[in-house]
Structures are given as C-alpha cells and as structure tokens.
C-alpha cells in the first residue's frame, strides 16, 4: 500500500511570488500594547546609559575591568551610543 501524500500547506506560487511566504504577516498595533511601546525604548535608554558609564569608567579609571582591552571598551561605548540613539528615535517617533 502506497501512503497518500500529505496535503501541502503552501500552494503553488504565482509567477514572481516568493515560495512559502504568507501574503501578509499580521503586525500588532501599538495601541494594543501601550506599556510595551512606552517602556521598551525607555528601558533601552537606561541600559545604554549604564553600559556607556560602565565602559567609560573602565577607559578613564580602569575600574571595574582594569582596562583589560581598550578596543573592547570603545566598542561597548559605541554600541551603547547606537542603542541610545535608536531608543531615542523610537521614543520621538511613537510620541511616548
């Protein structure tokens, strides 16, 4: 006995359509989750500030990591600046 083929979830794509991707992915509206839309960027700015202060202190005074790797310290400071910028632009964009 030959097993029947399982039905395919994905139908044959029309010409030019990507294979296996849904036509539309639902995106939840910000009004549905007001706490997340306000708290996440603010939390991102707080984390960015703490990381920036921590690694600037390591560059300046050698505390808390005894200046083991200055390039790594500079990289973390740059990453904290990028996170702070992205969080700030999201706060401005959403009007939180």
N, C-alpha and C. Protein backbone atom coordinates (compact mmCIF):
# COMPACT_ATOMS: atom_id res chain seq x y z
N UNK A 1 0.84 -1.17 0.00
CA UNK A 1 0.00 0.00 0.00
C UNK A 1 0.89 1.24 0.00
N UNK A 2 0.65 2.16 -0.89
CA UNK A 2 1.43 3.38 -1.02
C UNK A 2 0.78 4.46 -0.16
N UNK A 3 1.57 5.09 0.76
CA UNK A 3 0.97 6.14 1.59
C UNK A 3 0.58 7.35 0.75
N UNK A 4 -0.54 7.91 1.10
CA UNK A 4 -1.01 9.11 0.39
C UNK A 4 -0.12 10.28 0.76
N UNK A 5 0.08 11.17 -0.19
CA UNK A 5 0.88 12.36 0.09
C UNK A 5 0.14 13.26 1.06
N UNK A 6 0.88 13.81 1.99
CA UNK A 6 0.25 14.74 2.91
C UNK A 6 -0.07 16.03 2.15
N UNK A 7 -1.18 16.64 2.50
CA UNK A 7 -1.53 17.87 1.78
C UNK A 7 -0.50 18.96 2.05
N UNK A 8 -0.18 19.70 1.03
CA UNK A 8 0.81 20.76 1.14
C UNK A 8 0.19 21.99 1.78
N UNK A 9 0.91 22.58 2.70
CA UNK A 9 0.44 23.81 3.33
C UNK A 9 0.60 24.98 2.37
N UNK A 10 1.63 24.92 1.57
CA UNK A 10 1.93 26.01 0.65
C UNK A 10 1.39 25.66 -0.72
N UNK A 11 0.57 26.52 -1.27
CA UNK A 11 0.05 26.29 -2.61
C UNK A 11 1.11 26.71 -3.63
N UNK A 12 0.88 26.37 -4.85
CA UNK A 12 1.82 26.74 -5.90
C UNK A 12 1.88 28.26 -6.02
N UNK A 13 3.09 28.84 -6.02
CA UNK A 13 3.19 30.30 -6.10
C UNK A 13 2.88 30.80 -7.51
N UNK A 14 2.32 31.97 -7.54
CA UNK A 14 2.11 32.63 -8.83
C UNK A 14 3.46 33.11 -9.33
N UNK A 15 3.52 33.48 -10.55
CA UNK A 15 4.78 33.89 -11.14
C UNK A 15 5.31 35.15 -10.44
N UNK A 16 6.53 35.09 -9.94
CA UNK A 16 7.17 36.23 -9.31
C UNK A 16 6.97 36.29 -7.81
N UNK A 17 6.11 35.43 -7.23
CA UNK A 17 5.91 35.44 -5.78
C UNK A 17 6.95 34.57 -5.10
N UNK A 18 7.37 34.94 -3.89
CA UNK A 18 8.30 34.09 -3.16
C UNK A 18 7.61 32.79 -2.74
N UNK A 19 8.36 31.73 -2.69
CA UNK A 19 7.79 30.44 -2.34
C UNK A 19 7.73 30.29 -0.83
N UNK A 20 6.58 29.87 -0.32
CA UNK A 20 6.45 29.52 1.09
C UNK A 20 6.21 30.67 2.04
N UNK A 21 6.11 31.89 1.58
CA UNK A 21 5.88 33.01 2.48
C UNK A 21 4.42 33.41 2.44
N UNK A 22 3.85 33.73 3.59
CA UNK A 22 2.45 34.17 3.58
C UNK A 22 2.32 35.52 2.88
N UNK A 23 1.16 35.77 2.37
CA UNK A 23 0.93 37.01 1.63
C UNK A 23 1.06 38.23 2.55
N UNK A 24 0.60 38.09 3.77
CA UNK A 24 0.65 39.23 4.70
C UNK A 24 0.90 38.71 6.10
N UNK A 25 1.84 39.29 6.79
CA UNK A 25 2.12 38.93 8.17
C UNK A 25 1.44 39.96 9.05
N UNK A 26 0.55 39.53 9.94
CA UNK A 26 -0.13 40.50 10.80
C UNK A 26 0.83 41.15 11.78
N UNK A 27 0.78 42.46 11.88
CA UNK A 27 1.62 43.21 12.80
C UNK A 27 0.70 43.84 13.84
N UNK A 28 0.93 43.56 15.13
CA UNK A 28 0.05 44.12 16.15
C UNK A 28 0.19 45.63 16.22
N UNK A 29 -0.90 46.29 16.47
CA UNK A 29 -0.89 47.75 16.54
C UNK A 29 -0.32 48.20 17.88
N UNK A 30 0.34 49.36 17.92
CA UNK A 30 0.89 49.85 19.18
C UNK A 30 -0.17 50.17 20.22
N UNK A 31 -1.40 50.46 19.77
CA UNK A 31 -2.47 50.78 20.71
C UNK A 31 -2.84 49.56 21.55
N UNK A 32 -2.59 48.36 21.00
CA UNK A 32 -2.92 47.14 21.73
C UNK A 32 -1.96 46.89 22.88
N UNK A 33 -0.73 47.34 22.76
CA UNK A 33 0.30 47.12 23.78
C UNK A 33 0.93 48.45 24.18
N UNK A 34 0.19 49.33 24.86
CA UNK A 34 0.76 50.66 25.19
C UNK A 34 1.94 50.58 26.14
N UNK A 35 1.96 49.61 27.07
CA UNK A 35 3.07 49.52 28.01
C UNK A 35 4.36 49.19 27.28
N UNK A 36 4.29 48.28 26.33
CA UNK A 36 5.49 47.88 25.60
C UNK A 36 6.00 49.03 24.75
N UNK A 37 5.10 49.75 24.09
CA UNK A 37 5.54 50.82 23.21
C UNK A 37 6.17 51.98 23.97
N UNK A 38 5.87 52.11 25.25
CA UNK A 38 6.47 53.20 26.03
C UNK A 38 7.65 52.72 26.87
N UNK A 39 7.56 51.52 27.41
CA UNK A 39 8.57 51.08 28.36
C UNK A 39 9.85 50.57 27.68
N UNK A 40 9.71 49.91 26.56
CA UNK A 40 10.89 49.29 25.94
C UNK A 40 11.93 50.32 25.48
N UNK A 41 11.55 51.39 24.78
CA UNK A 41 12.60 52.35 24.42
C UNK A 41 13.20 53.05 25.63
N UNK A 42 12.40 53.32 26.65
CA UNK A 42 12.94 53.95 27.85
C UNK A 42 13.90 53.00 28.56
N UNK A 43 13.54 51.72 28.62
CA UNK A 43 14.44 50.75 29.21
C UNK A 43 15.72 50.63 28.38
N UNK A 44 15.60 50.73 27.06
CA UNK A 44 16.78 50.70 26.20
C UNK A 44 17.71 51.87 26.48
N UNK A 45 17.14 53.05 26.71
CA UNK A 45 17.98 54.21 27.03
C UNK A 45 18.66 54.05 28.37
N UNK A 46 17.96 53.47 29.35
CA UNK A 46 18.55 53.26 30.67
C UNK A 46 19.71 52.27 30.57
N UNK A 47 19.49 51.17 29.87
CA UNK A 47 20.55 50.16 29.70
C UNK A 47 21.73 50.75 28.94
N UNK A 48 21.45 51.52 27.90
CA UNK A 48 22.54 52.15 27.13
C UNK A 48 23.34 53.10 28.01
N UNK A 49 22.68 53.85 28.85
CA UNK A 49 23.39 54.76 29.75
C UNK A 49 24.26 54.02 30.75
N UNK A 50 23.73 52.94 31.32
CA UNK A 50 24.52 52.17 32.28
C UNK A 50 25.73 51.51 31.63
N UNK A 51 25.53 50.94 30.44
CA UNK A 51 26.66 50.32 29.74
C UNK A 51 27.70 51.37 29.35
N UNK A 52 27.24 52.52 28.86
CA UNK A 52 28.16 53.59 28.50
C UNK A 52 28.97 54.08 29.68
N UNK A 53 28.31 54.32 30.81
CA UNK A 53 29.02 54.78 32.01
C UNK A 53 30.01 53.73 32.50
N UNK A 54 29.61 52.46 32.47
CA UNK A 54 30.48 51.39 32.95
C UNK A 54 31.76 51.31 32.14
N UNK A 55 31.64 51.36 30.82
CA UNK A 55 32.84 51.20 30.00
C UNK A 55 33.62 52.50 29.84
N UNK A 56 32.96 53.64 29.97
CA UNK A 56 33.73 54.89 30.02
C UNK A 56 34.56 54.97 31.30
N UNK A 57 33.99 54.47 32.40
CA UNK A 57 34.76 54.43 33.65
C UNK A 57 35.95 53.50 33.53
N UNK A 58 35.78 52.40 32.79
CA UNK A 58 36.90 51.49 32.60
C UNK A 58 38.00 52.13 31.76
N UNK A 59 37.60 52.89 30.74
CA UNK A 59 38.61 53.58 29.91
C UNK A 59 39.32 54.65 30.73
N UNK A 60 38.57 55.43 31.51
CA UNK A 60 39.14 56.57 32.23
C UNK A 60 39.93 56.15 33.46
N UNK A 61 39.36 55.25 34.28
CA UNK A 61 39.97 54.97 35.57
C UNK A 61 40.42 53.52 35.74
N UNK A 62 40.11 52.67 34.79
CA UNK A 62 40.49 51.27 34.95
C UNK A 62 39.61 50.51 35.90
N UNK A 63 38.46 51.06 36.22
CA UNK A 63 37.53 50.37 37.10
C UNK A 63 36.27 50.09 36.32
N UNK A 64 35.66 49.00 36.33
CA UNK A 64 35.78 47.77 37.12
C UNK A 64 36.56 46.65 36.42
N UNK A 65 36.99 46.83 35.17
CA UNK A 65 37.61 45.73 34.44
C UNK A 65 39.13 45.88 34.30
N UNK A 66 39.73 46.82 34.99
CA UNK A 66 41.18 47.06 34.99
C UNK A 66 41.75 47.28 33.60
N UNK A 67 40.96 47.88 32.73
CA UNK A 67 41.39 48.28 31.39
C UNK A 67 42.06 47.11 30.64
N UNK A 68 41.42 45.96 30.68
CA UNK A 68 41.97 44.76 30.04
C UNK A 68 42.06 44.95 28.53
N UNK A 69 41.01 45.49 27.92
CA UNK A 69 41.00 45.67 26.47
C UNK A 69 40.34 47.00 26.13
N UNK A 70 41.15 47.97 25.79
CA UNK A 70 40.62 49.29 25.44
C UNK A 70 39.78 49.25 24.16
N UNK A 71 40.19 48.50 23.11
CA UNK A 71 39.32 48.43 21.93
C UNK A 71 37.94 47.85 22.24
N UNK A 72 37.89 46.88 23.15
CA UNK A 72 36.60 46.33 23.56
C UNK A 72 35.78 47.37 24.31
N UNK A 73 36.43 48.14 25.17
CA UNK A 73 35.74 49.22 25.87
C UNK A 73 35.16 50.24 24.89
N UNK A 74 35.95 50.61 23.90
CA UNK A 74 35.49 51.57 22.90
C UNK A 74 34.31 50.99 22.12
N UNK A 75 34.39 49.69 21.79
CA UNK A 75 33.29 49.04 21.08
C UNK A 75 32.01 49.04 21.87
N UNK A 76 32.10 48.78 23.17
CA UNK A 76 30.90 48.79 24.00
C UNK A 76 30.34 50.20 24.16
N UNK A 77 31.21 51.19 24.24
CA UNK A 77 30.73 52.58 24.32
C UNK A 77 30.00 52.95 23.03
N UNK A 78 30.56 52.56 21.89
CA UNK A 78 29.88 52.83 20.61
C UNK A 78 28.55 52.09 20.52
N UNK A 79 28.52 50.84 20.98
CA UNK A 79 27.26 50.09 20.97
C UNK A 79 26.22 50.74 21.88
N UNK A 80 26.64 51.26 23.01
CA UNK A 80 25.69 51.93 23.90
C UNK A 80 25.18 53.23 23.28
N UNK A 81 26.04 53.93 22.55
CA UNK A 81 25.59 55.14 21.87
C UNK A 81 24.58 54.81 20.76
N UNK A 82 24.83 53.73 20.04
CA UNK A 82 23.89 53.31 18.99
C UNK A 82 22.56 52.91 19.61
N UNK A 83 22.59 52.14 20.71
CA UNK A 83 21.35 51.75 21.38
C UNK A 83 20.60 52.96 21.92
N UNK A 84 21.31 53.92 22.47
CA UNK A 84 20.66 55.13 22.97
C UNK A 84 20.03 55.92 21.83
N UNK A 85 20.72 56.02 20.71
CA UNK A 85 20.17 56.74 19.55
C UNK A 85 18.91 56.06 19.03
N UNK A 86 18.96 54.73 18.87
CA UNK A 86 17.80 54.01 18.37
C UNK A 86 16.62 54.12 19.33
N UNK A 87 16.88 54.05 20.62
CA UNK A 87 15.81 54.18 21.61
C UNK A 87 15.22 55.58 21.58
N UNK A 88 16.07 56.58 21.48
CA UNK A 88 15.59 57.96 21.44
C UNK A 88 14.74 58.23 20.21
N UNK A 89 15.17 57.74 19.05
CA UNK A 89 14.37 57.96 17.84
C UNK A 89 13.05 57.23 17.92
N UNK A 90 13.01 56.06 18.57
CA UNK A 90 11.74 55.35 18.73
C UNK A 90 10.82 56.09 19.68
N UNK A 91 11.35 56.66 20.73
CA UNK A 91 10.53 57.46 21.65
C UNK A 91 9.95 58.66 20.91
N UNK A 92 10.78 59.33 20.13
CA UNK A 92 10.29 60.50 19.37
C UNK A 92 9.26 60.10 18.32
N UNK A 93 9.48 58.98 17.66
CA UNK A 93 8.59 58.54 16.59
C UNK A 93 7.22 58.11 17.13
N UNK A 94 7.20 57.39 18.25
CA UNK A 94 5.93 56.90 18.78
C UNK A 94 5.21 57.95 19.62
N UNK A 95 5.89 59.02 19.97
CA UNK A 95 5.26 60.08 20.77
C UNK A 95 5.00 59.65 22.19
N UNK A 96 5.84 58.75 22.73
CA UNK A 96 5.65 58.27 24.10
C UNK A 96 5.98 59.36 25.08
